PDB file of all heavy atoms in Angstrom:
ATOM      1  N   PRO A   1      23.952 -49.612 -14.258  1.00  0.00           N
ATOM      2  CA  PRO A   1      24.924 -48.913 -15.115  1.00  0.00           C
ATOM      3  C   PRO A   1      26.336 -49.289 -14.714  1.00  0.00           C
ATOM      4  O   PRO A   1      26.696 -49.263 -13.545  1.00  0.00           O
ATOM      5  CB  PRO A   1      24.639 -47.432 -14.844  1.00  0.00           C
ATOM      6  CG  PRO A   1      23.232 -47.404 -14.323  1.00  0.00           C
ATOM      7  CD  PRO A   1      23.057 -48.678 -13.550  1.00  0.00           C
ATOM      8  N   GLY A   2      27.131 -49.641 -15.694  1.00  0.00           N
ATOM      9  CA  GLY A   2      28.520 -49.948 -15.438  1.00  0.00           C
ATOM     10  C   GLY A   2      28.758 -51.319 -14.865  1.00  0.00           C
ATOM     11  O   GLY A   2      29.877 -51.628 -14.465  1.00  0.00           O
ATOM     12  N   VAL A   3      27.743 -52.191 -14.813  1.00  0.00           N
ATOM     13  CA  VAL A   3      27.960 -53.511 -14.243  1.00  0.00           C
ATOM     14  C   VAL A   3      29.013 -54.246 -15.051  1.00  0.00           C
ATOM     15  O   VAL A   3      29.040 -54.168 -16.263  1.00  0.00           O
ATOM     16  CB  VAL A   3      26.658 -54.335 -14.208  1.00  0.00           C
ATOM     17  CG1 VAL A   3      26.140 -54.614 -15.591  1.00  0.00           C
ATOM     18  CG2 VAL A   3      26.891 -55.669 -13.483  1.00  0.00           C
ATOM     19  N   GLY A   4      29.891 -54.944 -14.383  1.00  0.00           N
ATOM     20  CA  GLY A   4      30.955 -55.667 -15.060  1.00  0.00           C
ATOM     21  C   GLY A   4      31.961 -54.760 -15.707  1.00  0.00           C
ATOM     22  O   GLY A   4      32.710 -55.181 -16.576  1.00  0.00           O
ATOM     23  N   GLY A   5      32.002 -53.491 -15.310  1.00  0.00           N
ATOM     24  CA  GLY A   5      33.001 -52.579 -15.870  1.00  0.00           C
ATOM     25  C   GLY A   5      32.581 -51.945 -17.168  1.00  0.00           C
ATOM     26  O   GLY A   5      33.374 -51.305 -17.833  1.00  0.00           O
ATOM     27  N   HIS A   6      31.287 -52.100 -17.567  1.00  0.00           N
ATOM     28  CA  HIS A   6      30.831 -51.530 -18.829  1.00  0.00           C
ATOM     29  C   HIS A   6      29.678 -50.588 -18.570  1.00  0.00           C
ATOM     30  O   HIS A   6      28.832 -50.830 -17.711  1.00  0.00           O
ATOM     31  CB  HIS A   6      30.370 -52.631 -19.793  1.00  0.00           C
ATOM     32  CG  HIS A   6      31.483 -53.540 -20.207  1.00  0.00           C
ATOM     33  ND1 HIS A   6      32.435 -53.195 -21.124  1.00  0.00           N
ATOM     34  CD2 HIS A   6      31.810 -54.784 -19.779  1.00  0.00           C
ATOM     35  CE1 HIS A   6      33.298 -54.190 -21.268  1.00  0.00           C
ATOM     36  NE2 HIS A   6      32.942 -55.161 -20.461  1.00  0.00           N
ATOM     37  N   ALA A   7      29.628 -49.533 -19.327  1.00  0.00           N
ATOM     38  CA  ALA A   7      28.489 -48.637 -19.258  1.00  0.00           C
ATOM     39  C   ALA A   7      27.301 -49.284 -19.940  1.00  0.00           C
ATOM     40  O   ALA A   7      27.447 -50.207 -20.725  1.00  0.00           O
ATOM     41  CB  ALA A   7      28.827 -47.301 -19.940  1.00  0.00           C
ATOM     42  N   ALA A   8      26.104 -48.758 -19.638  1.00  0.00           N
ATOM     43  CA  ALA A   8      24.900 -49.362 -20.202  1.00  0.00           C
ATOM     44  C   ALA A   8      24.933 -49.368 -21.717  1.00  0.00           C
ATOM     45  O   ALA A   8      24.436 -50.280 -22.357  1.00  0.00           O
ATOM     46  CB  ALA A   8      23.663 -48.594 -19.708  1.00  0.00           C
ATOM     47  N   GLY A   9      25.529 -48.362 -22.327  1.00  0.00           N
ATOM     48  CA  GLY A   9      25.564 -48.292 -23.778  1.00  0.00           C
ATOM     49  C   GLY A   9      26.466 -49.316 -24.418  1.00  0.00           C
ATOM     50  O   GLY A   9      26.423 -49.517 -25.631  1.00  0.00           O
ATOM     51  N   ASP A  10      27.310 -49.981 -23.609  1.00  0.00           N
ATOM     52  CA  ASP A  10      28.237 -50.946 -24.176  1.00  0.00           C
ATOM     53  C   ASP A  10      27.619 -52.321 -24.344  1.00  0.00           C
ATOM     54  O   ASP A  10      28.238 -53.214 -24.883  1.00  0.00           O
ATOM     55  CB  ASP A  10      29.477 -51.093 -23.281  1.00  0.00           C
ATOM     56  CG  ASP A  10      30.297 -49.819 -23.237  1.00  0.00           C
ATOM     57  OD1 ASP A  10      30.213 -49.068 -24.218  1.00  0.00           O
ATOM     58  OD2 ASP A  10      30.994 -49.587 -22.240  1.00  0.00           O
ATOM     59  N   ARG A  11      26.387 -52.523 -23.890  1.00  0.00           N
ATOM     60  CA  ARG A  11      25.813 -53.857 -23.903  1.00  0.00           C
ATOM     61  C   ARG A  11      25.642 -54.401 -25.310  1.00  0.00           C
ATOM     62  O   ARG A  11      25.682 -55.592 -25.532  1.00  0.00           O
ATOM     63  CB  ARG A  11      24.443 -53.847 -23.220  1.00  0.00           C
ATOM     64  CG  ARG A  11      24.529 -53.431 -21.769  1.00  0.00           C
ATOM     65  CD  ARG A  11      23.138 -53.244 -21.201  1.00  0.00           C
ATOM     66  NE  ARG A  11      23.203 -52.547 -19.937  1.00  0.00           N
ATOM     67  CZ  ARG A  11      22.155 -51.970 -19.358  1.00  0.00           C
ATOM     68  NH1 ARG A  11      20.998 -52.019 -19.935  1.00  0.00           N
ATOM     69  NH2 ARG A  11      22.295 -51.358 -18.210  1.00  0.00           N
ATOM     70  N   GLU A  12      25.439 -53.498 -26.281  1.00  0.00           N
ATOM     71  CA  GLU A  12      25.179 -53.941 -27.642  1.00  0.00           C
ATOM     72  C   GLU A  12      26.315 -54.785 -28.180  1.00  0.00           C
ATOM     73  O   GLU A  12      26.113 -55.641 -29.031  1.00  0.00           O
ATOM     74  CB  GLU A  12      24.961 -52.720 -28.544  1.00  0.00           C
ATOM     75  CG  GLU A  12      24.480 -53.061 -29.944  1.00  0.00           C
ATOM     76  CD  GLU A  12      23.108 -53.688 -29.938  1.00  0.00           C
ATOM     77  OE1 GLU A  12      22.315 -53.410 -29.021  1.00  0.00           O
ATOM     78  OE2 GLU A  12      22.830 -54.467 -30.863  1.00  0.00           O
ATOM     79  N   SER A  13      27.537 -54.560 -27.693  1.00  0.00           N
ATOM     80  CA  SER A  13      28.683 -55.320 -28.181  1.00  0.00           C
ATOM     81  C   SER A  13      28.553 -56.795 -27.853  1.00  0.00           C
ATOM     82  O   SER A  13      29.116 -57.635 -28.535  1.00  0.00           O
ATOM     83  CB  SER A  13      29.972 -54.779 -27.553  1.00  0.00           C
ATOM     84  OG  SER A  13      30.168 -53.439 -27.887  1.00  0.00           O
ATOM     85  N   TYR A  14      27.821 -57.116 -26.793  1.00  0.00           N
ATOM     86  CA  TYR A  14      27.737 -58.497 -26.347  1.00  0.00           C
ATOM     87  C   TYR A  14      26.339 -59.063 -26.469  1.00  0.00           C
ATOM     88  O   TYR A  14      26.036 -60.121 -25.950  1.00  0.00           O
ATOM     89  CB  TYR A  14      28.202 -58.591 -24.884  1.00  0.00           C
ATOM     90  CG  TYR A  14      29.520 -57.911 -24.675  1.00  0.00           C
ATOM     91  CD1 TYR A  14      29.615 -56.735 -23.956  1.00  0.00           C
ATOM     92  CD2 TYR A  14      30.674 -58.438 -25.259  1.00  0.00           C
ATOM     93  CE1 TYR A  14      30.838 -56.111 -23.800  1.00  0.00           C
ATOM     94  CE2 TYR A  14      31.888 -57.802 -25.104  1.00  0.00           C
ATOM     95  CZ  TYR A  14      31.968 -56.651 -24.373  1.00  0.00           C
ATOM     96  OH  TYR A  14      33.162 -56.019 -24.218  1.00  0.00           O
ATOM     97  N   GLY A  15      25.447 -58.351 -27.182  1.00  0.00           N
ATOM     98  CA  GLY A  15      24.067 -58.773 -27.249  1.00  0.00           C
ATOM     99  C   GLY A  15      23.276 -57.987 -26.210  1.00  0.00           C
ATOM    100  O   GLY A  15      23.821 -57.244 -25.419  1.00  0.00           O
ATOM    101  N   ARG A  16      21.963 -58.135 -26.194  1.00  0.00           N
ATOM    102  CA  ARG A  16      21.191 -57.388 -25.215  1.00  0.00           C
ATOM    103  C   ARG A  16      20.008 -58.199 -24.738  1.00  0.00           C
ATOM    104  O   ARG A  16      19.580 -59.146 -25.388  1.00  0.00           O
ATOM    105  CB  ARG A  16      20.697 -56.062 -25.813  1.00  0.00           C
ATOM    106  CG  ARG A  16      19.864 -56.221 -27.065  1.00  0.00           C
ATOM    107  CD  ARG A  16      19.713 -54.878 -27.778  1.00  0.00           C
ATOM    108  NE  ARG A  16      19.008 -55.018 -29.034  1.00  0.00           N
ATOM    109  CZ  ARG A  16      17.704 -54.865 -29.164  1.00  0.00           C
ATOM    110  NH1 ARG A  16      16.961 -54.606 -28.129  1.00  0.00           N
ATOM    111  NH2 ARG A  16      17.134 -54.988 -30.350  1.00  0.00           N
ATOM    112  N   ILE A  17      19.483 -57.813 -23.593  1.00  0.00           N
ATOM    113  CA  ILE A  17      18.329 -58.487 -23.028  1.00  0.00           C
ATOM    114  C   ILE A  17      17.079 -57.883 -23.647  1.00  0.00           C
ATOM    115  O   ILE A  17      16.858 -56.683 -23.586  1.00  0.00           O
ATOM    116  CB  ILE A  17      18.312 -58.342 -21.506  1.00  0.00           C
ATOM    117  CG1 ILE A  17      19.544 -59.053 -20.927  1.00  0.00           C
ATOM    118  CG2 ILE A  17      17.041 -58.897 -20.908  1.00  0.00           C
ATOM    119  CD1 ILE A  17      19.707 -58.878 -19.452  1.00  0.00           C
ATOM    120  N   LEU A  18      16.269 -58.723 -24.254  1.00  0.00           N
ATOM    121  CA  LEU A  18      15.084 -58.237 -24.940  1.00  0.00           C
ATOM    122  C   LEU A  18      13.855 -58.213 -24.043  1.00  0.00           C
ATOM    123  O   LEU A  18      13.050 -57.312 -24.096  1.00  0.00           O
ATOM    124  CB  LEU A  18      14.777 -59.127 -26.154  1.00  0.00           C
ATOM    125  CG  LEU A  18      15.683 -58.944 -27.363  1.00  0.00           C
ATOM    126  CD1 LEU A  18      15.231 -59.878 -28.465  1.00  0.00           C
ATOM    127  CD2 LEU A  18      15.641 -57.516 -27.866  1.00  0.00           C
ATOM    128  N   ARG A  19      13.702 -59.247 -23.221  1.00  0.00           N
ATOM    129  CA  ARG A  19      12.502 -59.346 -22.417  1.00  0.00           C
ATOM    130  C   ARG A  19      12.871 -59.766 -21.004  1.00  0.00           C
ATOM    131  O   ARG A  19      13.692 -60.651 -20.815  1.00  0.00           O
ATOM    132  CB  ARG A  19      11.524 -60.378 -22.983  1.00  0.00           C
ATOM    133  CG  ARG A  19      11.018 -60.065 -24.363  1.00  0.00           C
ATOM    134  CD  ARG A  19      10.079 -61.161 -24.814  1.00  0.00           C
ATOM    135  NE  ARG A  19       8.967 -61.316 -23.894  1.00  0.00           N
ATOM    136  CZ  ARG A  19       7.852 -60.591 -23.921  1.00  0.00           C
ATOM    137  NH1 ARG A  19       7.728 -59.639 -24.808  1.00  0.00           N
ATOM    138  NH2 ARG A  19       6.882 -60.798 -23.062  1.00  0.00           N
ATOM    139  N   VAL A  20      12.240 -59.163 -20.023  1.00  0.00           N
ATOM    140  CA  VAL A  20      12.454 -59.579 -18.643  1.00  0.00           C
ATOM    141  C   VAL A  20      11.236 -59.190 -17.831  1.00  0.00           C
ATOM    142  O   VAL A  20      10.613 -58.172 -18.093  1.00  0.00           O
ATOM    143  CB  VAL A  20      13.730 -58.940 -18.040  1.00  0.00           C
ATOM    144  CG1 VAL A  20      13.586 -57.447 -17.930  1.00  0.00           C
ATOM    145  CG2 VAL A  20      14.038 -59.536 -16.680  1.00  0.00           C
ATOM    146  N   SER A  21      10.869 -60.025 -16.884  1.00  0.00           N
ATOM    147  CA  SER A  21       9.745 -59.741 -15.999  1.00  0.00           C
ATOM    148  C   SER A  21      10.240 -59.794 -14.566  1.00  0.00           C
ATOM    149  O   SER A  21      10.016 -60.780 -13.865  1.00  0.00           O
ATOM    150  CB  SER A  21       8.619 -60.753 -16.212  1.00  0.00           C
ATOM    151  OG  SER A  21       8.159 -60.713 -17.535  1.00  0.00           O
ATOM    152  N   PRO A  22      10.980 -58.772 -14.097  1.00  0.00           N
ATOM    153  CA  PRO A  22      11.555 -58.825 -12.765  1.00  0.00           C
ATOM    154  C   PRO A  22      10.501 -58.906 -11.670  1.00  0.00           C
ATOM    155  O   PRO A  22      10.744 -59.457 -10.613  1.00  0.00           O
ATOM    156  CB  PRO A  22      12.349 -57.511 -12.667  1.00  0.00           C
ATOM    157  CG  PRO A  22      11.748 -56.623 -13.703  1.00  0.00           C
ATOM    158  CD  PRO A  22      11.264 -57.523 -14.795  1.00  0.00           C
ATOM    159  N   SER A  23       9.304 -58.384 -11.913  1.00  0.00           N
ATOM    160  CA  SER A  23       8.278 -58.427 -10.885  1.00  0.00           C
ATOM    161  C   SER A  23       7.843 -59.853 -10.591  1.00  0.00           C
ATOM    162  O   SER A  23       7.444 -60.183  -9.489  1.00  0.00           O
ATOM    163  CB  SER A  23       7.064 -57.595 -11.322  1.00  0.00           C
ATOM    164  OG  SER A  23       6.513 -58.109 -12.521  1.00  0.00           O
ATOM    165  N   ARG A  24       7.922 -60.712 -11.606  1.00  0.00           N
ATOM    166  CA  ARG A  24       7.546 -62.103 -11.402  1.00  0.00           C
ATOM    167  C   ARG A  24       8.765 -62.984 -11.159  1.00  0.00           C
ATOM    168  O   ARG A  24       8.638 -64.167 -10.912  1.00  0.00           O
ATOM    169  CB  ARG A  24       6.783 -62.610 -12.631  1.00  0.00           C
ATOM    170  CG  ARG A  24       5.344 -62.132 -12.677  1.00  0.00           C
ATOM    171  CD  ARG A  24       4.670 -62.624 -13.924  1.00  0.00           C
ATOM    172  NE  ARG A  24       4.970 -61.759 -15.059  1.00  0.00           N
ATOM    173  CZ  ARG A  24       4.599 -62.032 -16.292  1.00  0.00           C
ATOM    174  NH1 ARG A  24       3.940 -63.129 -16.546  1.00  0.00           N
ATOM    175  NH2 ARG A  24       4.896 -61.220 -17.273  1.00  0.00           N
ATOM    176  N   GLY A  25       9.937 -62.398 -11.317  1.00  0.00           N
ATOM    177  CA  GLY A  25      11.150 -63.155 -11.053  1.00  0.00           C
ATOM    178  C   GLY A  25      11.495 -64.155 -12.126  1.00  0.00           C
ATOM    179  O   GLY A  25      12.303 -65.044 -11.911  1.00  0.00           O
ATOM    180  N   VAL A  26      10.882 -64.048 -13.285  1.00  0.00           N
ATOM    181  CA  VAL A  26      11.154 -65.004 -14.349  1.00  0.00           C
ATOM    182  C   VAL A  26      11.283 -64.269 -15.665  1.00  0.00           C
ATOM    183  O   VAL A  26      10.900 -63.115 -15.795  1.00  0.00           O
ATOM    184  CB  VAL A  26      10.032 -66.056 -14.480  1.00  0.00           C
ATOM    185  CG1 VAL A  26       9.970 -66.920 -13.251  1.00  0.00           C
ATOM    186  CG2 VAL A  26       8.684 -65.373 -14.708  1.00  0.00           C
ATOM    187  N   GLY A  27      11.829 -64.955 -16.667  1.00  0.00           N
ATOM    188  CA  GLY A  27      11.759 -64.456 -18.016  1.00  0.00           C
ATOM    189  C   GLY A  27      12.879 -63.543 -18.450  1.00  0.00           C
ATOM    190  O   GLY A  27      12.674 -62.360 -18.630  1.00  0.00           O
ATOM    191  N   VAL A  28      14.058 -64.064 -18.624  1.00  0.00           N
ATOM    192  CA  VAL A  28      15.150 -63.305 -19.208  1.00  0.00           C
ATOM    193  C   VAL A  28      15.465 -63.918 -20.554  1.00  0.00           C
ATOM    194  O   VAL A  28      15.760 -65.101 -20.641  1.00  0.00           O
ATOM    195  CB  VAL A  28      16.412 -63.331 -18.329  1.00  0.00           C
ATOM    196  CG1 VAL A  28      17.544 -62.580 -19.018  1.00  0.00           C
ATOM    197  CG2 VAL A  28      16.125 -62.693 -16.979  1.00  0.00           C
ATOM    198  N   ALA A  29      15.374 -63.145 -21.617  1.00  0.00           N
ATOM    199  CA  ALA A  29      15.662 -63.654 -22.952  1.00  0.00           C
ATOM    200  C   ALA A  29      16.799 -62.848 -23.542  1.00  0.00           C
ATOM    201  O   ALA A  29      16.748 -61.631 -23.567  1.00  0.00           O
ATOM    202  CB  ALA A  29      14.428 -63.548 -23.860  1.00  0.00           C
ATOM    203  N   LEU A  30      17.812 -63.529 -24.011  1.00  0.00           N
ATOM    204  CA  LEU A  30      18.970 -62.859 -24.585  1.00  0.00           C
ATOM    205  C   LEU A  30      18.863 -62.828 -26.090  1.00  0.00           C
ATOM    206  O   LEU A  30      18.602 -63.841 -26.720  1.00  0.00           O
ATOM    207  CB  LEU A  30      20.254 -63.599 -24.210  1.00  0.00           C
ATOM    208  CG  LEU A  30      20.633 -63.597 -22.734  1.00  0.00           C
ATOM    209  CD1 LEU A  30      21.871 -64.441 -22.549  1.00  0.00           C
ATOM    210  CD2 LEU A  30      20.859 -62.197 -22.245  1.00  0.00           C
ATOM    211  N   GLU A  31      19.067 -61.637 -26.651  1.00  0.00           N
ATOM    212  CA  GLU A  31      19.216 -61.566 -28.088  1.00  0.00           C
ATOM    213  C   GLU A  31      20.628 -61.999 -28.401  1.00  0.00           C
ATOM    214  O   GLU A  31      21.585 -61.569 -27.762  1.00  0.00           O
ATOM    215  CB  GLU A  31      18.993 -60.144 -28.591  1.00  0.00           C
ATOM    216  CG  GLU A  31      19.154 -60.043 -30.105  1.00  0.00           C
ATOM    217  CD  GLU A  31      19.089 -58.618 -30.581  1.00  0.00           C
ATOM    218  OE1 GLU A  31      19.404 -57.730 -29.774  1.00  0.00           O
ATOM    219  OE2 GLU A  31      18.743 -58.401 -31.740  1.00  0.00           O
ATOM    220  N   GLY A  32      20.783 -62.855 -29.405  1.00  0.00           N
ATOM    221  CA  GLY A  32      22.101 -63.336 -29.761  1.00  0.00           C
ATOM    222  C   GLY A  32      23.007 -62.211 -30.214  1.00  0.00           C
ATOM    223  O   GLY A  32      22.555 -61.167 -30.662  1.00  0.00           O
ATOM    224  N   LEU A  33      24.299 -62.415 -30.091  1.00  0.00           N
ATOM    225  CA  LEU A  33      25.261 -61.444 -30.568  1.00  0.00           C
ATOM    226  C   LEU A  33      25.041 -61.234 -32.047  1.00  0.00           C
ATOM    227  O   LEU A  33      24.671 -62.141 -32.770  1.00  0.00           O
ATOM    228  CB  LEU A  33      26.677 -61.956 -30.290  1.00  0.00           C
ATOM    229  CG  LEU A  33      26.907 -62.370 -28.838  1.00  0.00           C
ATOM    230  CD1 LEU A  33      28.287 -62.979 -28.691  1.00  0.00           C
ATOM    231  CD2 LEU A  33      26.744 -61.180 -27.928  1.00  0.00           C
ATOM    232  N   ARG A  34      25.283 -60.058 -32.496  1.00  0.00           N
ATOM    233  CA  ARG A  34      24.832 -59.629 -33.812  1.00  0.00           C
ATOM    234  C   ARG A  34      25.117 -60.643 -34.901  1.00  0.00           C
ATOM    235  O   ARG A  34      26.233 -61.062 -35.124  1.00  0.00           O
ATOM    236  CB  ARG A  34      25.478 -58.297 -34.174  1.00  0.00           C
ATOM    237  CG  ARG A  34      24.964 -57.141 -33.355  1.00  0.00           C
ATOM    238  CD  ARG A  34      25.661 -55.871 -33.738  1.00  0.00           C
ATOM    239  NE  ARG A  34      25.508 -55.591 -35.158  1.00  0.00           N
ATOM    240  CZ  ARG A  34      26.184 -54.638 -35.776  1.00  0.00           C
ATOM    241  NH1 ARG A  34      27.037 -53.909 -35.121  1.00  0.00           N
ATOM    242  NH2 ARG A  34      26.002 -54.433 -37.062  1.00  0.00           N
ATOM    243  N   SER A  35      24.071 -61.058 -35.584  1.00  0.00           N
ATOM    244  CA  SER A  35      24.182 -62.023 -36.679  1.00  0.00           C
ATOM    245  C   SER A  35      25.035 -61.418 -37.776  1.00  0.00           C
ATOM    246  O   SER A  35      24.940 -60.226 -38.036  1.00  0.00           O
ATOM    247  CB  SER A  35      22.793 -62.354 -37.212  1.00  0.00           C
ATOM    248  OG  SER A  35      22.856 -63.266 -38.258  1.00  0.00           O
ATOM    249  N   PRO A  36      25.839 -62.234 -38.461  1.00  0.00           N
ATOM    250  CA  PRO A  36      25.921 -63.682 -38.373  1.00  0.00           C
ATOM    251  C   PRO A  36      27.045 -64.182 -37.473  1.00  0.00           C
ATOM    252  O   PRO A  36      27.563 -65.265 -37.694  1.00  0.00           O
ATOM    253  CB  PRO A  36      26.212 -64.070 -39.824  1.00  0.00           C
ATOM    254  CG  PRO A  36      27.115 -62.968 -40.287  1.00  0.00           C
ATOM    255  CD  PRO A  36      26.620 -61.711 -39.580  1.00  0.00           C
ATOM    256  N   CYS A  37      27.445 -63.392 -36.503  1.00  0.00           N
ATOM    257  CA  CYS A  37      28.635 -63.730 -35.740  1.00  0.00           C
ATOM    258  C   CYS A  37      28.307 -64.286 -34.367  1.00  0.00           C
ATOM    259  O   CYS A  37      29.128 -64.242 -33.473  1.00  0.00           O
ATOM    260  CB  CYS A  37      29.515 -62.498 -35.585  1.00  0.00           C
ATOM    261  SG  CYS A  37      28.619 -61.111 -34.874  1.00  0.00           S
TER     262      CYS A  37
END
């Protein structure tokens, strides 16, 4: 929460992480910033 000076709810402005498998240490997928921008 608040990483980079932003609250967790602010992530939508910059896109969001859709999938991650931290237990395996792999797999971060970024959803693109809101289409069509």
